[in-house]
Amino acid sequence: MKINGYELALSEADLKEKLEKQTTKIELISPDFEGYKALSDGDKKALHHLVNAAKILNKVFLVQDHSLNLAQKQGLEAAAPESEYAALALRFFNSFNGVEGLNGIDKDPVELFVGIKGFKGRNFYPEDLGVDEFHEILIKMLEAGKIEEVRKILSARTMVRRSGNELKAIDYTEFFAAEFSEIANQLELAAHYTDDAAFKDYLGWQAQALLQNNEDMDMLADKHWAVLQETPLEFTLSRENYEDEMTPTVFDNPVLAKLLEQHQIEATSKDMLGIRAGIVNKAGTELILKFKEHMSELAELMPYKEKYHQNIGAGTELKQTMVDVDLAALSGDYAAVRGGITTAQNLPNNDKLSVKTGGGRRNVYHRQVRQSVDREKMRKIMDKLVSPDLHKLYNPEADHIFVIGHENGHSLGPDSSYQDALGLYKHIIEEHKADVISIAFMPEYVKNGTISADTLKEIYASWVIGRLFLTAQPQYAQAHRMADLIQFNYLLNNHVISFDNNHKLHINFDDFASVMNRLLEETIAVQLSKSPAAAKEFIDRYTVWSETSAYIASEIQKLGVKPYKEIRMYF
């Protein structure tokens, strides 16, 4: 079957297999949800407009991700009513939110159409632009004195296109002017209806940020968003930059890197946009806030803390809000489920102007995502790979506590100048750092009475079993999974975890904290080095795919893996 001249790469039978047997359904809330019924009439109307904004934003994401995304999706939508094959392909497209993506199992991306592949620079850059030519053009432009244009090209908020023998940057607010205007209108309508004054104020700032080519407006919107703690609704316009693999390559070219430093040009990967909308869950938020109380204490425990500035310090105001959210909408980058799905976020990232100018951060946790854990599958994995005495320690709620520690960990440690300097390796090191902070500092929460010693053991065991047992050898593009492999190997090498002759896991709980603190020291030293070479050496040293890892992956795959996710929205 062809769509716009491109043959579907997956058969109808293969699509059925993937969608029916290899896909986890993530059910978002519906109008029947009790939390929605409890909202005021105004907030109910506001939520519908926020969901509308999310749907419009998805078109923006599709264009950012691949030049053919929109056309292929529209082609599938036109064919789906008359063709089951097309309907299945459309569902699979929506799972990836695009024409291709990693599934976390296969080494190469799964492609929905023959002849349509993803690109290193996604659609942020011209598809025919290779890394070497990219560097050559930037060097020539800098030598020709076109400093400000190069600065725009390497900013987080521009689409880049060819202009003769050079490149030209187009700000998002100009490139996506029509879509941004529609989204802003929906936000203004939501602001009109909501009963919450602070939330109304934020939505107004966010709407204006979409209409003006001015980074200061993003900064102001972010600052108003980051202080929201008591609002009934959640709305996030996410700007993260994991997908752009072109911009970070500038750090691998010594000549170009030196010129950028000389002209004080900060190269930041392109922001991929997404929207999250939902209802704040008060009970879940209360648990999360218990961990917030001790973040300043943890900042004082960070290795080499005297060598860098971090957002949180002793005696300073903790500018961090935290909420647990029941999700009504995930769109754009949030809905691009390619080997994993976001369970929580700590935003804005350190590269954002709001953080650089002293603004706060906000942690948001996704209840419907974490509630989609397949408990029966985990039982089978433990029966095969885990010593029986550890089975009772596996607890998804303990994993949730690990995630709280991870998101808080992003607020600790060296700032974005250190992170960005690691180039292509910055995301792996940063996600790994947040993991290690969570686990290394978890005993502090026992000392201050936030959790019990028994819960600490549950956290350790659930983390190892639920996250470090990988289903396939990860790729560099999978920052979280590469981080998991680093930690698995480090624990194994230091005898914190071990496997008996029957390949069953055992854990040395006594040495867990000390070993993880040593790993944290090594990790912060890598960030402080500002060296891509040092980061690569660290990653390569600890991401060896051993016989042990291969055996675990093989056994889990035999039990049946569900690498795909299907998000179901009801608003």
Protein backbone atom coordinates (compact mmCIF):
# COMPACT_ATOMS: atom_id res chain seq x y z
CA MET A 1 0.00 0.00 0.00
CA LYS A 2 1.33 3.45 -0.92
CA ILE A 3 0.69 6.79 0.79
CA ASN A 4 1.74 9.83 -1.25
CA GLY A 5 3.93 7.55 -3.34
CA TYR A 6 5.67 5.86 -0.38
CA GLU A 7 5.12 2.14 0.25
CA LEU A 8 4.32 1.07 3.79
CA ALA A 9 7.38 -0.71 5.18
CA LEU A 10 5.42 -2.86 7.64
CA SER A 11 2.88 -5.46 6.57
CA GLU A 12 -0.69 -5.42 7.85
CA ALA A 13 0.03 -8.57 9.87
CA ASP A 14 3.17 -7.01 11.37
CA LEU A 15 1.27 -3.88 12.36
CA LYS A 16 -1.44 -5.98 14.03
CA GLU A 17 1.23 -7.92 15.95
CA LYS A 18 2.91 -4.75 17.15
CA LEU A 19 -0.28 -2.95 18.13
CA GLU A 20 -2.13 -5.88 19.71
CA LYS A 21 0.71 -7.77 21.43
CA GLN A 22 3.64 -5.35 21.74
CA THR A 23 1.90 -2.12 22.73
CA THR A 24 1.04 -0.75 26.17
CA LYS A 25 -2.06 1.44 26.35
CA ILE A 26 -1.72 4.62 28.38
CA GLU A 27 -5.20 5.82 29.23
CA LEU A 28 -5.42 9.54 30.00
CA ILE A 29 -8.33 10.92 31.99
CA SER A 30 -11.79 11.44 30.52
CA PRO A 31 -14.72 13.72 31.43
CA ASP A 32 -15.90 10.88 33.71
CA PHE A 33 -12.80 11.30 35.90
CA GLU A 34 -13.74 12.36 39.43
CA GLY A 35 -11.05 15.03 39.52
CA TYR A 36 -12.55 16.63 36.42
CA LYS A 37 -16.07 16.53 37.87
CA ALA A 38 -14.78 18.33 40.98
CA LEU A 39 -13.45 21.29 38.95
CA SER A 40 -15.37 24.54 38.78
CA ASP A 41 -17.32 25.15 35.58
CA GLY A 42 -14.75 27.76 34.58
CA ASP A 43 -11.80 25.43 35.01
CA LYS A 44 -13.61 22.70 33.09
CA LYS A 45 -13.98 25.06 30.12
CA ALA A 46 -10.37 26.19 30.53
CA LEU A 47 -9.13 22.59 30.39
CA HIS A 48 -10.89 21.99 27.08
CA HIS A 49 -9.14 25.00 25.55
CA LEU A 50 -5.79 23.80 26.89
CA VAL A 51 -6.37 20.43 25.20
CA ASN A 52 -7.23 22.28 21.98
CA ALA A 53 -3.89 24.09 22.24
CA ALA A 54 -2.14 20.74 22.65
CA LYS A 55 -3.71 19.38 19.47
CA ILE A 56 -2.66 22.42 17.45
CA LEU A 57 0.88 22.27 18.82
CA ASN A 58 1.24 18.70 17.61
CA LYS A 59 1.33 20.00 14.02
CA VAL A 60 4.32 22.17 14.96
CA PHE A 61 6.14 19.18 16.42
CA LEU A 62 5.49 17.08 13.33
CA VAL A 63 7.12 19.73 11.14
CA GLN A 64 10.09 20.07 13.49
CA ASP A 65 10.61 16.33 13.48
CA HIS A 66 10.45 15.48 9.74
CA SER A 67 9.50 17.31 6.56
CA LEU A 68 7.14 14.50 5.49
CA ASN A 69 5.37 13.88 8.79
CA LEU A 70 2.33 16.05 8.13
CA ALA A 71 1.77 14.83 4.58
CA GLN A 72 2.07 11.16 5.54
CA LYS A 73 -0.23 11.53 8.53
CA GLN A 74 -2.84 13.32 6.44
CA GLY A 75 -2.54 10.62 3.79
CA LEU A 76 -3.12 7.89 6.36
CA GLU A 77 -6.08 9.76 7.85
CA ALA A 78 -7.67 10.04 4.40
CA ALA A 79 -7.18 6.34 3.67
CA ALA A 80 -8.04 4.95 7.12
CA PRO A 81 -11.87 5.05 6.83
CA GLU A 82 -11.74 2.70 3.82
CA SER A 83 -8.70 0.60 4.73
CA GLU A 84 -7.94 -1.38 7.89
CA TYR A 85 -4.30 -1.50 6.78
CA ALA A 86 -4.14 2.30 6.67
CA ALA A 87 -6.00 2.55 9.99
CA LEU A 88 -3.42 0.29 11.65
CA ALA A 89 -0.57 2.28 10.08
CA LEU A 90 -2.12 5.50 11.38
CA ARG A 91 -2.25 4.11 14.92
CA PHE A 92 1.39 3.09 14.64
CA PHE A 93 2.31 6.52 13.25
CA ASN A 94 0.58 8.13 16.23
CA SER A 95 2.50 5.89 18.63
CA PHE A 96 5.79 7.31 17.35
CA ASN A 97 4.14 10.63 16.51
CA GLY A 98 6.12 10.46 13.31
CA VAL A 99 7.29 8.39 10.37
CA GLU A 100 10.02 6.59 12.30
CA GLY A 101 11.60 6.11 15.70
CA LEU A 102 13.62 3.90 18.00
CA ASN A 103 11.63 1.29 19.90
CA GLY A 104 14.24 0.57 22.57
CA ILE A 105 14.85 -2.96 21.29
CA ASP A 106 16.12 -2.78 17.73
CA LYS A 107 19.42 -1.06 16.99
CA ASP A 108 18.04 0.92 14.07
CA PRO A 109 14.89 3.06 14.03
CA VAL A 110 11.66 1.37 12.97
CA GLU A 111 10.52 3.01 9.72
CA LEU A 112 6.87 3.10 8.72
CA PHE A 113 7.51 3.93 5.04
CA VAL A 114 10.07 2.59 2.60
CA GLY A 115 12.53 5.36 1.77
CA ILE A 116 11.64 7.76 4.60
CA LYS A 117 14.36 8.04 7.22
CA GLY A 118 15.07 10.42 10.07
CA PHE A 119 17.95 12.88 10.00
CA LYS A 120 20.61 13.95 12.50
CA GLY A 121 19.26 17.49 12.45
CA ARG A 122 15.62 16.32 12.21
CA ASN A 123 13.85 19.05 10.19
CA PHE A 124 15.52 21.88 12.12
CA TYR A 125 18.22 21.83 9.46
CA PRO A 126 18.13 21.09 5.69
CA GLU A 127 17.91 17.35 5.16
CA ASP A 128 20.83 17.39 2.70
CA LEU A 129 23.14 19.19 5.14
CA GLY A 130 25.93 16.93 6.38
CA VAL A 131 27.99 17.57 9.50
CA ASP A 132 31.18 18.50 7.63
CA GLU A 133 29.38 20.98 5.35
CA PHE A 134 27.54 22.41 8.37
CA HIS A 135 30.83 23.14 10.09
CA GLU A 136 32.43 24.57 6.93
CA ILE A 137 29.53 26.96 6.34
CA LEU A 138 29.58 28.21 9.94
CA ILE A 139 33.35 28.75 9.85
CA LYS A 140 33.11 30.74 6.60
CA MET A 141 30.24 32.83 7.95
CA LEU A 142 32.17 33.62 11.13
CA GLU A 143 35.27 34.53 9.14
CA ALA A 144 33.05 36.81 7.02
CA GLY A 145 31.87 38.61 10.13
CA LYS A 146 28.32 37.22 10.18
CA ILE A 147 28.48 36.67 13.90
CA GLU A 148 24.89 37.43 14.81
CA GLU A 149 23.45 35.18 12.11
CA VAL A 150 25.58 32.26 13.36
CA ARG A 151 24.39 33.04 16.88
CA LYS A 152 20.80 32.71 15.67
CA ILE A 153 21.57 29.51 13.74
CA LEU A 154 22.92 27.91 16.90
CA SER A 155 20.12 29.11 19.18
CA ALA A 156 17.49 26.77 20.60
CA ARG A 157 14.50 28.44 18.94
CA THR A 158 15.21 28.65 15.20
CA MET A 159 14.55 26.60 12.10
CA VAL A 160 17.54 26.73 9.76
CA ARG A 161 17.35 26.80 5.98
CA ARG A 162 19.81 27.34 3.11
CA SER A 163 20.37 30.84 1.75
CA GLY A 164 22.67 30.55 -1.24
CA ASN A 165 25.99 29.21 0.04
CA GLU A 166 25.09 30.12 3.61
CA LEU A 167 22.48 29.24 6.21
CA LYS A 168 19.65 31.38 7.53
CA ALA A 169 17.86 31.11 10.88
CA ILE A 170 14.11 31.67 11.20
CA ASP A 171 12.69 32.16 14.69
CA TYR A 172 9.93 29.76 15.73
CA THR A 173 7.50 32.63 16.20
CA GLU A 174 7.94 33.48 12.50
CA PHE A 175 8.23 29.97 11.04
CA PHE A 176 5.17 28.74 12.96
CA ALA A 177 3.33 32.07 13.11
CA ALA A 178 -0.07 30.68 12.08
CA GLU A 179 -0.01 27.75 14.54
CA PHE A 180 1.39 29.86 17.38
CA SER A 181 -1.38 32.41 16.86
CA GLU A 182 -4.04 29.67 17.11
CA ILE A 183 -2.45 28.26 20.26
CA ALA A 184 -2.21 31.72 21.81
CA ASN A 185 -5.92 32.23 21.13
CA GLN A 186 -6.77 28.98 22.92
CA LEU A 187 -4.61 30.00 25.90
CA GLU A 188 -6.33 33.38 26.08
CA LEU A 189 -9.71 31.65 26.11
CA ALA A 190 -8.52 29.30 28.86
CA ALA A 191 -7.26 32.33 30.81
CA HIS A 192 -10.67 33.94 30.47
CA TYR A 193 -12.48 30.92 31.95
CA THR A 194 -10.14 29.69 34.70
CA ASP A 195 -10.97 30.71 38.26
CA ASP A 196 -7.33 30.70 39.41
CA ALA A 197 -5.70 34.14 39.27
CA ALA A 198 -2.09 32.91 39.17
CA PHE A 199 -2.84 30.40 36.44
CA LYS A 200 -4.75 33.06 34.47
CA ASP A 201 -1.72 35.35 34.72
CA TYR A 202 0.68 32.65 33.51
CA LEU A 203 -1.49 31.74 30.51
CA GLY A 204 -1.50 35.38 29.45
CA TRP A 205 2.29 35.54 29.53
CA GLN A 206 2.60 32.23 27.67
CA ALA A 207 0.21 33.42 24.96
CA GLN A 208 2.26 36.57 24.44
CA ALA A 209 5.50 34.57 24.31
CA LEU A 210 4.12 32.68 21.31
CA LEU A 211 3.40 35.90 19.44
CA GLN A 212 6.67 37.80 19.92
CA ASN A 213 10.16 37.09 18.58
CA ASN A 214 11.69 37.86 21.94
CA GLU A 215 13.45 35.40 24.22
CA ASP A 216 12.61 37.64 27.17
CA MET A 217 8.94 36.73 26.72
CA ASP A 218 9.77 33.03 27.05
CA MET A 219 11.74 33.93 30.17
CA LEU A 220 8.81 35.79 31.72
CA ALA A 221 6.34 33.02 30.86
CA ASP A 222 8.69 30.42 32.37
CA LYS A 223 9.08 32.45 35.54
CA HIS A 224 5.32 32.75 35.99
CA TRP A 225 4.88 29.03 35.31
CA ALA A 226 7.60 27.93 37.71
CA VAL A 227 5.93 29.49 40.77
CA LEU A 228 2.55 27.75 40.33
CA GLN A 229 1.97 25.50 43.33
CA GLU A 230 -1.69 25.74 44.34
CA THR A 231 -3.40 25.86 40.92
CA PRO A 232 -6.04 23.22 40.08
CA LEU A 233 -4.87 22.86 36.45
CA GLU A 234 -1.52 22.14 34.84
CA PHE A 235 -0.38 23.40 31.45
CA THR A 236 3.16 23.13 30.15
CA LEU A 237 4.67 24.20 26.87
CA SER A 238 7.73 21.96 26.99
CA ARG A 239 11.02 22.96 25.34
CA GLU A 240 13.61 20.17 25.50
CA ASN A 241 16.40 19.43 23.07
CA TYR A 242 17.24 15.74 23.07
CA GLU A 243 16.39 15.11 19.40
CA ASP A 244 18.74 17.58 17.69
CA GLU A 245 21.98 15.69 17.04
CA MET A 246 23.35 18.27 14.59
CA THR A 247 23.97 21.36 16.73
CA PRO A 248 26.11 19.61 19.40
CA THR A 249 28.58 18.46 16.72
CA VAL A 250 30.09 21.97 16.67
CA PHE A 251 32.00 21.05 19.82
CA ASP A 252 33.73 18.21 17.95
CA ASN A 253 35.36 20.62 15.48
CA PRO A 254 38.32 22.33 17.23
CA VAL A 255 38.52 25.20 14.74
CA LEU A 256 34.81 25.95 14.92
CA ALA A 257 34.66 25.49 18.69
CA LYS A 258 37.49 28.01 19.12
CA LEU A 259 35.76 30.56 16.88
CA LEU A 260 32.51 30.16 18.80
CA GLU A 261 34.31 30.70 22.07
CA GLN A 262 36.13 33.72 20.64
CA HIS A 263 32.85 35.35 19.63
CA GLN A 264 31.05 34.20 22.80
CA ILE A 265 28.46 32.22 20.86
CA GLU A 266 26.58 29.64 22.92
CA ALA A 267 25.56 26.62 20.82
CA THR A 268 22.31 25.17 22.16
CA SER A 269 20.45 22.24 20.63
CA LYS A 270 17.07 23.03 19.08
CA ASP A 271 14.00 22.96 21.30
CA MET A 272 11.49 20.27 20.37
CA LEU A 273 8.06 21.44 21.50
CA GLY A 274 5.35 19.59 23.39
CA ILE A 275 2.27 20.35 25.47
CA ARG A 276 1.01 18.71 28.63
CA ALA A 277 -2.37 19.53 30.16
CA GLY A 278 -4.09 18.05 33.16
CA ILE A 279 -5.45 18.35 36.68
CA VAL A 280 -3.24 18.67 39.76
CA ASN A 281 -3.65 15.73 42.16
CA LYS A 282 -3.41 17.13 45.69
CA ALA A 283 -2.74 13.86 47.52
CA GLY A 284 0.08 12.90 45.16
CA THR A 285 1.53 16.40 45.39
CA GLU A 286 1.72 16.23 49.19
CA LEU A 287 4.07 13.23 48.98
CA ILE A 288 6.34 14.95 46.48
CA LEU A 289 6.59 18.11 48.57
CA LYS A 290 7.99 16.14 51.49
CA PHE A 291 11.16 15.62 49.45
CA LYS A 292 11.41 19.27 48.50
CA GLU A 293 12.02 20.29 52.12
CA HIS A 294 15.51 18.77 52.13
CA MET A 295 16.94 19.84 48.77
CA SER A 296 19.13 22.61 50.22
CA GLU A 297 20.67 20.04 52.55
CA LEU A 298 21.44 17.78 49.62
CA ALA A 299 23.07 20.64 47.71
CA GLU A 300 25.65 20.87 50.48
CA LEU A 301 26.54 17.20 49.96
CA MET A 302 27.32 17.57 46.24
CA PRO A 303 30.88 16.67 45.22
CA TYR A 304 33.16 19.59 44.27
CA LYS A 305 30.37 22.04 45.18
CA GLU A 306 32.90 24.84 45.71
CA LYS A 307 33.92 24.68 42.03
CA TYR A 308 30.61 25.62 40.43
CA HIS A 309 27.35 27.47 40.91
CA GLN A 310 24.17 25.45 41.41
CA ASN A 311 20.60 26.64 41.58
CA ILE A 312 20.18 25.51 45.16
CA GLY A 313 22.49 26.51 47.97
CA ALA A 314 22.53 26.78 51.73
CA GLY A 315 20.57 29.75 53.03
CA THR A 316 19.01 30.57 49.66
CA GLU A 317 15.35 30.51 48.76
CA LEU A 318 14.36 27.21 47.13
CA LYS A 319 12.71 28.27 43.89
CA GLN A 320 11.10 24.97 43.05
CA THR A 321 7.45 23.98 42.74
CA MET A 322 6.32 20.36 42.46
CA VAL A 323 3.01 18.81 41.48
CA ASP A 324 1.55 15.41 40.69
CA VAL A 325 -0.78 15.59 37.68
CA ASP A 326 -3.62 13.54 36.21
CA LEU A 327 -3.09 13.94 32.48
CA ALA A 328 -5.75 15.01 29.99
CA ALA A 329 -3.41 15.65 27.05
CA LEU A 330 0.10 14.87 25.87
CA SER A 331 1.11 16.20 22.47
CA GLY A 332 4.17 16.98 20.41
CA ASP A 333 7.42 15.85 22.00
CA TYR A 334 5.54 14.29 24.93
CA ALA A 335 3.58 12.04 22.56
CA ALA A 336 6.59 10.89 20.52
CA VAL A 337 7.00 7.57 22.31
CA ARG A 338 10.22 6.21 20.85
CA GLY A 339 11.65 3.65 23.22
CA GLY A 340 10.29 5.32 26.35
CA ILE A 341 7.83 7.85 27.70
CA THR A 342 8.32 10.68 30.16
CA THR A 343 7.19 9.88 33.70
CA ALA A 344 8.17 13.26 35.14
CA GLN A 345 10.00 16.46 34.22
CA ASN A 346 12.09 19.17 35.85
CA LEU A 347 11.84 22.35 33.77
CA PRO A 348 12.98 24.85 32.61
CA ASN A 349 16.31 23.30 31.69
CA ASN A 350 19.53 25.03 32.67
CA ASP A 351 20.06 26.46 29.18
CA LYS A 352 16.88 28.57 29.45
CA LEU A 353 17.10 32.30 30.13
CA SER A 354 14.65 32.15 33.02
CA VAL A 355 16.98 29.86 34.98
CA LYS A 356 20.08 31.86 34.03
CA THR A 357 18.43 35.02 35.37
CA GLY A 358 17.44 33.53 38.71
CA GLY A 359 14.01 32.07 37.95
CA GLY A 360 12.70 28.93 39.55
CA ARG A 361 12.00 25.44 38.28
CA ARG A 362 8.98 23.17 38.34
CA ASN A 363 8.71 19.40 38.68
CA VAL A 364 5.62 17.74 37.20
CA TYR A 365 4.87 14.03 37.65
CA HIS A 366 2.69 12.03 35.27
CA ARG A 367 0.30 9.76 37.15
CA GLN A 368 -1.23 7.94 34.17
CA VAL A 369 2.20 7.07 32.77
CA ARG A 370 3.54 5.51 35.94
CA GLN A 371 0.25 3.70 36.55
CA SER A 372 0.68 1.84 33.25
CA VAL A 373 3.34 -0.50 34.71
CA ASP A 374 2.76 -4.13 33.68
CA ARG A 375 2.88 -5.89 37.06
CA GLU A 376 2.38 -9.36 35.59
CA LYS A 377 5.38 -8.91 33.33
CA MET A 378 7.50 -7.75 36.29
CA ARG A 379 6.48 -10.86 38.23
CA LYS A 380 7.66 -13.07 35.38
CA ILE A 381 10.96 -11.19 35.14
CA MET A 382 11.58 -11.61 38.86
CA ASP A 383 10.75 -15.31 38.77
CA LYS A 384 13.39 -15.74 36.07
CA LEU A 385 16.12 -13.31 37.08
CA VAL A 386 15.78 -12.29 40.75
CA SER A 387 16.55 -14.13 43.97
CA PRO A 388 13.26 -15.01 45.74
CA ASP A 389 14.17 -13.04 48.88
CA LEU A 390 14.14 -9.82 46.83
CA HIS A 391 10.71 -10.29 45.23
CA LYS A 392 8.88 -8.70 48.14
CA LEU A 393 10.97 -5.55 47.76
CA TYR A 394 9.78 -4.67 44.27
CA ASN A 395 7.25 -1.83 44.56
CA PRO A 396 6.21 0.59 41.77
CA GLU A 397 5.60 3.28 44.38
CA ALA A 398 9.22 2.93 45.48
CA ASP A 399 10.21 3.54 41.87
CA HIS A 400 8.10 6.71 41.98
CA ILE A 401 10.22 7.89 44.91
CA PHE A 402 13.35 7.22 42.83
CA VAL A 403 11.88 9.41 40.07
CA ILE A 404 11.26 12.20 42.60
CA GLY A 405 14.92 12.03 43.55
CA HIS A 406 15.93 11.99 39.88
CA GLU A 407 13.96 15.12 39.00
CA ASN A 408 15.27 16.92 42.07
CA GLY A 409 18.75 15.83 41.02
CA HIS A 410 18.54 17.92 37.85
CA SER A 411 18.49 21.01 40.07
CA LEU A 412 21.79 20.04 41.69
CA GLY A 413 25.28 20.13 40.24
CA PRO A 414 27.10 22.18 37.56
CA ASP A 415 25.11 24.62 35.44
CA SER A 416 24.36 24.50 31.71
CA SER A 417 27.73 25.90 30.62
CA TYR A 418 29.35 22.70 31.88
CA GLN A 419 26.60 20.46 30.52
CA ASP A 420 26.50 22.00 27.03
CA ALA A 421 30.28 21.81 26.67
CA LEU A 422 30.01 18.00 26.55
CA GLY A 423 28.37 18.27 23.13
CA LEU A 424 26.74 15.06 21.89
CA TYR A 425 27.27 13.41 25.28
CA LYS A 426 25.65 16.06 27.50
CA HIS A 427 22.24 14.40 27.75
CA ILE A 428 23.62 10.99 28.70
CA ILE A 429 25.82 12.49 31.40
CA GLU A 430 23.07 14.77 32.75
CA GLU A 431 20.42 12.02 32.94
CA HIS A 432 22.97 9.70 34.49
CA LYS A 433 23.89 12.39 37.03
CA ALA A 434 20.26 12.82 38.08
CA ASP A 435 19.87 9.04 38.51
CA VAL A 436 22.98 8.78 40.65
CA ILE A 437 22.05 11.76 42.82
CA SER A 438 18.69 10.16 43.51
CA ILE A 439 20.16 6.83 44.62
CA ALA A 440 23.28 8.18 46.34
CA PHE A 441 21.33 10.65 48.48
CA MET A 442 18.32 8.46 49.24
CA PRO A 443 19.76 7.41 52.67
CA GLU A 444 19.56 11.09 53.68
CA TYR A 445 15.77 10.80 53.51
CA VAL A 446 15.95 7.93 56.00
CA LYS A 447 18.02 10.12 58.34
CA ASN A 448 15.53 12.99 58.17
CA GLY A 449 12.52 10.70 58.56
CA THR A 450 10.98 11.16 55.11
CA ILE A 451 11.20 7.44 54.32
CA SER A 452 11.92 4.32 56.36
CA ALA A 453 14.91 1.98 56.13
CA ASP A 454 12.60 -0.67 54.67
CA THR A 455 11.43 1.75 51.99
CA LEU A 456 15.07 2.49 51.14
CA LYS A 457 15.63 -1.18 50.37
CA GLU A 458 12.50 -1.21 48.23
CA ILE A 459 13.82 1.78 46.30
CA TYR A 460 17.19 0.13 45.68
CA ALA A 461 15.66 -3.18 44.59
CA SER A 462 12.89 -1.65 42.48
CA TRP A 463 15.41 0.60 40.72
CA VAL A 464 17.74 -2.25 39.82
CA ILE A 465 14.99 -4.65 38.75
CA GLY A 466 12.68 -2.16 37.06
CA ARG A 467 15.22 0.08 35.34
CA LEU A 468 18.68 -1.47 35.12
CA PHE A 469 17.48 -4.74 33.59
CA LEU A 470 17.67 -3.62 29.97
CA THR A 471 15.78 -5.31 27.15
CA ALA A 472 18.39 -4.52 24.49
CA GLN A 473 21.76 -2.83 24.06
CA PRO A 474 21.05 0.92 24.08
CA GLN A 475 22.22 3.48 21.52
CA TYR A 476 23.76 6.91 22.11
CA ALA A 477 20.43 8.51 21.19
CA GLN A 478 18.81 6.80 24.22
CA ALA A 479 20.21 8.95 27.00
CA HIS A 480 18.24 7.34 29.84
CA ARG A 481 19.01 3.77 28.76
CA MET A 482 22.72 4.51 28.29
CA ALA A 483 22.68 5.94 31.82
CA ASP A 484 21.03 2.74 33.09
CA LEU A 485 23.81 0.64 31.55
CA ILE A 486 26.51 2.81 33.13
CA GLN A 487 24.97 2.29 36.55
CA PHE A 488 24.36 -1.44 36.06
CA ASN A 489 28.00 -2.04 35.14
CA TYR A 490 29.31 0.15 37.95
CA LEU A 491 27.25 -1.72 40.55
CA LEU A 492 28.28 -5.05 39.06
CA ASN A 493 31.98 -4.13 38.94
CA ASN A 494 31.86 -2.97 42.56
CA HIS A 495 30.01 -6.09 43.79
CA VAL A 496 26.89 -4.25 44.90
CA ILE A 497 24.86 -6.48 42.61
CA SER A 498 25.79 -10.00 41.59
CA PHE A 499 24.27 -13.04 39.89
CA ASP A 500 24.47 -16.62 41.10
CA ASN A 501 24.94 -19.74 38.98
CA ASN A 502 21.22 -19.68 38.19
CA HIS A 503 21.51 -16.10 36.85
CA LYS A 504 19.48 -14.70 39.73
CA LEU A 505 20.13 -11.23 41.14
CA HIS A 506 21.51 -10.61 44.64
CA ILE A 507 22.03 -7.18 46.21
CA ASN A 508 24.65 -6.06 48.73
CA PHE A 509 22.61 -3.35 50.44
CA ASP A 510 25.41 -2.40 52.88
CA ASP A 511 27.71 -0.99 50.18
CA PHE A 512 25.04 0.60 47.99
CA ALA A 513 25.33 4.19 49.23
CA SER A 514 29.13 4.40 49.37
CA VAL A 515 29.58 2.98 45.87
CA MET A 516 26.96 5.32 44.40
CA ASN A 517 28.60 8.31 46.06
CA ARG A 518 31.90 7.38 44.40
CA LEU A 519 30.12 7.18 41.07
CA LEU A 520 28.60 10.60 41.69
CA GLU A 521 32.08 12.07 42.24
CA GLU A 522 33.28 10.61 38.95
CA THR A 523 30.22 11.94 37.15
CA ILE A 524 30.53 15.52 38.42
CA ALA A 525 34.23 15.46 37.52
CA VAL A 526 33.24 14.64 33.93
CA GLN A 527 30.85 17.61 33.79
CA LEU A 528 33.46 19.90 35.29
CA SER A 529 35.98 18.81 32.64
CA LYS A 530 33.92 20.48 29.88
CA SER A 531 35.51 17.87 27.62
CA PRO A 532 33.48 15.84 25.08
CA ALA A 533 36.42 13.44 24.87
CA ALA A 534 36.36 12.87 28.64
CA ALA A 535 32.60 12.33 28.53
CA LYS A 536 32.91 9.82 25.68
CA GLU A 537 35.68 7.93 27.48
CA PHE A 538 33.56 7.74 30.65
CA ILE A 539 30.50 6.54 28.74
CA ASP A 540 32.41 3.98 26.68
CA ARG A 541 34.18 2.62 29.76
CA TYR A 542 30.93 1.87 31.59
CA THR A 543 28.60 0.90 28.73
CA VAL A 544 30.21 -2.38 27.72
CA TRP A 545 27.47 -4.80 26.69
CA SER A 546 28.50 -7.82 28.75
CA GLU A 547 27.35 -11.44 28.64
CA THR A 548 25.35 -10.70 31.78
CA SER A 549 23.47 -7.83 30.14
CA ALA A 550 22.95 -9.85 26.97
CA TYR A 551 21.53 -12.76 28.96
CA ILE A 552 19.11 -10.52 30.89
CA ALA A 553 17.91 -8.87 27.68
CA SER A 554 17.46 -12.22 25.97
CA GLU A 555 15.42 -13.67 28.83
CA ILE A 556 13.20 -10.59 29.09
CA GLN A 557 12.56 -10.66 25.35
CA LYS A 558 11.54 -14.32 25.60
CA LEU A 559 8.94 -13.29 28.18
CA GLY A 560 7.47 -10.81 25.75
CA VAL A 561 8.40 -7.17 25.47
CA LYS A 562 6.04 -4.28 24.79
CA PRO A 563 8.30 -1.61 23.32
CA TYR A 564 5.49 0.51 21.90
CA LYS A 565 3.08 2.85 23.69
CA GLU A 566 -0.34 4.06 22.57
CA ILE A 567 -1.60 7.20 24.29
CA ARG A 568 -5.38 7.46 24.44
CA MET A 569 -6.85 10.93 24.90
CA TYR A 570 -10.55 11.44 25.64
CA PHE A 571 -10.97 15.22 25.66
